Amino acid sequence: MANTTTANTKKTKSTHPVSDKVQDSLHESIDNLAEKTASTENKLRNAAQTSAESLSAKQKEVQDKWQQSAVKKYATENPVATAGIAFAAGVLLTSLLRRK
């Protein structure tokens, strides 16, 4: 019975016109905000998808270049020399960074 009374109260003219206007205004504002948020979310999702595809293509390109590079060929043919060169470069870089 309480539901019937509540439904009947909502159907009748409200005695609070100011609060009804505020309520309607807030509902409209929330609806507008929801639409703008949905639009922005779609734009962000599309941008992320495009960026992911671009990054994937760039990664593939770099991997292809690495597979064909002379550095990779030298490193696989001379692993001990490569490790020595890397160690020497690390020592040199460390000594340069400690001076500052």
C-alpha atoms as a PDB file:
ATOM      1  CA  MET A   1       0.000   0.000   0.000  1.00  0.00           C
ATOM      2  CA  ALA A   2       2.933   2.331   0.633  1.00  0.00           C
ATOM      3  CA  ASN A   3       3.993   1.939  -3.012  1.00  0.00           C
ATOM      4  CA  THR A   4       0.573   3.063  -4.214  1.00  0.00           C
ATOM      5  CA  THR A   5       0.702   6.139  -2.016  1.00  0.00           C
ATOM      6  CA  THR A   6       4.198   6.994  -3.259  1.00  0.00           C
ATOM      7  CA  ALA A   7       3.158   6.548  -6.883  1.00  0.00           C
ATOM      8  CA  ASN A   8       0.098   8.734  -6.376  1.00  0.00           C
ATOM      9  CA  THR A   9       2.227  11.408  -4.716  1.00  0.00           C
ATOM     10  CA  LYS A  10       4.616  11.497  -7.677  1.00  0.00           C
ATOM     11  CA  LYS A  11       1.754  11.871 -10.153  1.00  0.00           C
ATOM     12  CA  THR A  12       0.287  14.866  -8.370  1.00  0.00           C
ATOM     13  CA  LYS A  13       1.590  18.398  -8.731  1.00  0.00           C
ATOM     14  CA  SER A  14       4.646  18.992  -6.572  1.00  0.00           C
ATOM     15  CA  THR A  15       4.519  21.586  -3.851  1.00  0.00           C
ATOM     16  CA  HIS A  16       8.247  22.295  -4.240  1.00  0.00           C
ATOM     17  CA  PRO A  17       8.715  23.979  -7.620  1.00  0.00           C
ATOM     18  CA  VAL A  18      12.217  25.299  -6.861  1.00  0.00           C
ATOM     19  CA  SER A  19      13.598  21.946  -5.781  1.00  0.00           C
ATOM     20  CA  ASP A  20      11.892  20.308  -8.782  1.00  0.00           C
ATOM     21  CA  LYS A  21      13.644  22.754 -11.120  1.00  0.00           C
ATOM     22  CA  VAL A  22      16.963  22.114  -9.396  1.00  0.00           C
ATOM     23  CA  GLN A  23      16.401  18.371  -9.652  1.00  0.00           C
ATOM     24  CA  ASP A  24      15.540  18.600 -13.349  1.00  0.00           C
ATOM     25  CA  SER A  25      18.576  20.790 -13.967  1.00  0.00           C
ATOM     26  CA  LEU A  26      20.846  18.346 -12.156  1.00  0.00           C
ATOM     27  CA  HIS A  27      19.436  15.398 -14.104  1.00  0.00           C
ATOM     28  CA  GLU A  28      20.028  17.251 -17.355  1.00  0.00           C
ATOM     29  CA  SER A  29      23.571  18.176 -16.317  1.00  0.00           C
ATOM     30  CA  ILE A  30      24.373  14.571 -15.416  1.00  0.00           C
ATOM     31  CA  ASP A  31      22.963  13.345 -18.722  1.00  0.00           C
ATOM     32  CA  ASN A  32      25.097  15.874 -20.623  1.00  0.00           C
ATOM     33  CA  LEU A  33      28.165  14.904 -18.614  1.00  0.00           C
ATOM     34  CA  ALA A  34      27.523  11.209 -19.308  1.00  0.00           C
ATOM     35  CA  GLU A  35      27.296  11.890 -23.057  1.00  0.00           C
ATOM     36  CA  LYS A  36      30.522  13.903 -23.072  1.00  0.00           C
ATOM     37  CA  THR A  37      32.286  11.269 -20.975  1.00  0.00           C
ATOM     38  CA  ALA A  38      31.206   8.509 -23.356  1.00  0.00           C
ATOM     39  CA  SER A  39      32.432  10.527 -26.321  1.00  0.00           C
ATOM     40  CA  THR A  40      35.778  11.217 -24.666  1.00  0.00           C
ATOM     41  CA  GLU A  41      36.156   7.564 -23.693  1.00  0.00           C
ATOM     42  CA  ASN A  42      35.589   6.490 -27.291  1.00  0.00           C
ATOM     43  CA  LYS A  43      38.182   8.995 -28.527  1.00  0.00           C
ATOM     44  CA  LEU A  44      40.712   7.756 -25.963  1.00  0.00           C
ATOM     45  CA  ARG A  45      40.078   4.115 -26.848  1.00  0.00           C
ATOM     46  CA  ASN A  46      40.550   4.872 -30.557  1.00  0.00           C
ATOM     47  CA  ALA A  47      43.751   6.812 -29.859  1.00  0.00           C
ATOM     48  CA  ALA A  48      45.090   3.989 -27.692  1.00  0.00           C
ATOM     49  CA  GLN A  49      44.289   1.433 -30.372  1.00  0.00           C
ATOM     50  CA  THR A  50      46.023   3.524 -33.034  1.00  0.00           C
ATOM     51  CA  SER A  51      49.034   4.042 -30.783  1.00  0.00           C
ATOM     52  CA  ALA A  52      49.255   0.328 -30.020  1.00  0.00           C
ATOM     53  CA  GLU A  53      49.166  -0.529 -33.715  1.00  0.00           C
ATOM     54  CA  SER A  54      51.804   2.094 -34.488  1.00  0.00           C
ATOM     55  CA  LEU A  55      54.024   0.878 -31.661  1.00  0.00           C
ATOM     56  CA  SER A  56      53.661  -2.717 -32.799  1.00  0.00           C
ATOM     57  CA  ALA A  57      54.655  -1.786 -36.352  1.00  0.00           C
ATOM     58  CA  LYS A  58      57.659   0.184 -35.076  1.00  0.00           C
ATOM     59  CA  GLN A  59      58.713  -2.737 -32.879  1.00  0.00           C
ATOM     60  CA  LYS A  60      58.538  -5.110 -35.836  1.00  0.00           C
ATOM     61  CA  GLU A  61      60.639  -2.683 -37.900  1.00  0.00           C
ATOM     62  CA  VAL A  62      63.311  -2.428 -35.185  1.00  0.00           C
ATOM     63  CA  GLN A  63      63.419  -6.210 -34.784  1.00  0.00           C
ATOM     64  CA  ASP A  64      63.893  -6.644 -38.524  1.00  0.00           C
ATOM     65  CA  LYS A  65      66.735  -4.098 -38.514  1.00  0.00           C
ATOM     66  CA  TRP A  66      68.384  -5.857 -35.562  1.00  0.00           C
ATOM     67  CA  GLN A  67      68.181  -9.233 -37.286  1.00  0.00           C
ATOM     68  CA  GLN A  68      69.990  -7.769 -40.313  1.00  0.00           C
ATOM     69  CA  SER A  69      72.527  -5.640 -38.429  1.00  0.00           C
ATOM     70  CA  ALA A  70      76.270  -6.157 -38.454  1.00  0.00           C
ATOM     71  CA  VAL A  71      76.384  -5.652 -34.677  1.00  0.00           C
ATOM     72  CA  LYS A  72      74.175  -8.689 -34.094  1.00  0.00           C
ATOM     73  CA  LYS A  73      76.277 -10.742 -36.495  1.00  0.00           C
ATOM     74  CA  TYR A  74      79.501  -9.706 -34.711  1.00  0.00           C
ATOM     75  CA  ALA A  75      77.992 -10.342 -31.255  1.00  0.00           C
ATOM     76  CA  THR A  76      76.863 -13.861 -32.167  1.00  0.00           C
ATOM     77  CA  GLU A  77      80.190 -14.715 -33.825  1.00  0.00           C
ATOM     78  CA  ASN A  78      82.354 -13.201 -31.031  1.00  0.00           C
ATOM     79  CA  PRO A  79      80.492 -13.408 -27.703  1.00  0.00           C
ATOM     80  CA  VAL A  80      83.598 -13.107 -25.487  1.00  0.00           C
ATOM     81  CA  ALA A  81      84.849 -10.005 -27.319  1.00  0.00           C
ATOM     82  CA  THR A  82      81.374  -8.514 -27.148  1.00  0.00           C
ATOM     83  CA  ALA A  83      81.258  -9.055 -23.372  1.00  0.00           C
ATOM     84  CA  GLY A  84      84.721  -7.441 -23.046  1.00  0.00           C
ATOM     85  CA  ILE A  85      83.649  -4.427 -25.091  1.00  0.00           C
ATOM     86  CA  ALA A  86      80.489  -4.034 -22.993  1.00  0.00           C
ATOM     87  CA  PHE A  87      82.515  -4.284 -19.773  1.00  0.00           C
ATOM     88  CA  ALA A  88      85.026  -1.695 -20.966  1.00  0.00           C
ATOM     89  CA  ALA A  89      82.249   0.665 -22.042  1.00  0.00           C
ATOM     90  CA  GLY A  90      80.623   0.286 -18.619  1.00  0.00           C
ATOM     91  CA  VAL A  91      83.862   1.041 -16.794  1.00  0.00           C
ATOM     92  CA  LEU A  92      84.466   4.100 -18.969  1.00  0.00           C
ATOM     93  CA  LEU A  93      80.936   5.388 -18.507  1.00  0.00           C
ATOM     94  CA  THR A  94      81.070   4.837 -14.735  1.00  0.00           C
ATOM     95  CA  SER A  95      84.350   6.727 -14.439  1.00  0.00           C
ATOM     96  CA  LEU A  96      82.957   9.621 -16.462  1.00  0.00           C
ATOM     97  CA  LEU A  97      79.785   9.820 -14.380  1.00  0.00           C
ATOM     98  CA  ARG A  98      81.667   9.735 -11.058  1.00  0.00           C
ATOM     99  CA  ARG A  99      83.709  12.814 -11.987  1.00  0.00           C
ATOM    100  CA  LYS A 100      80.661  15.077 -11.973  1.00  0.00           C
END
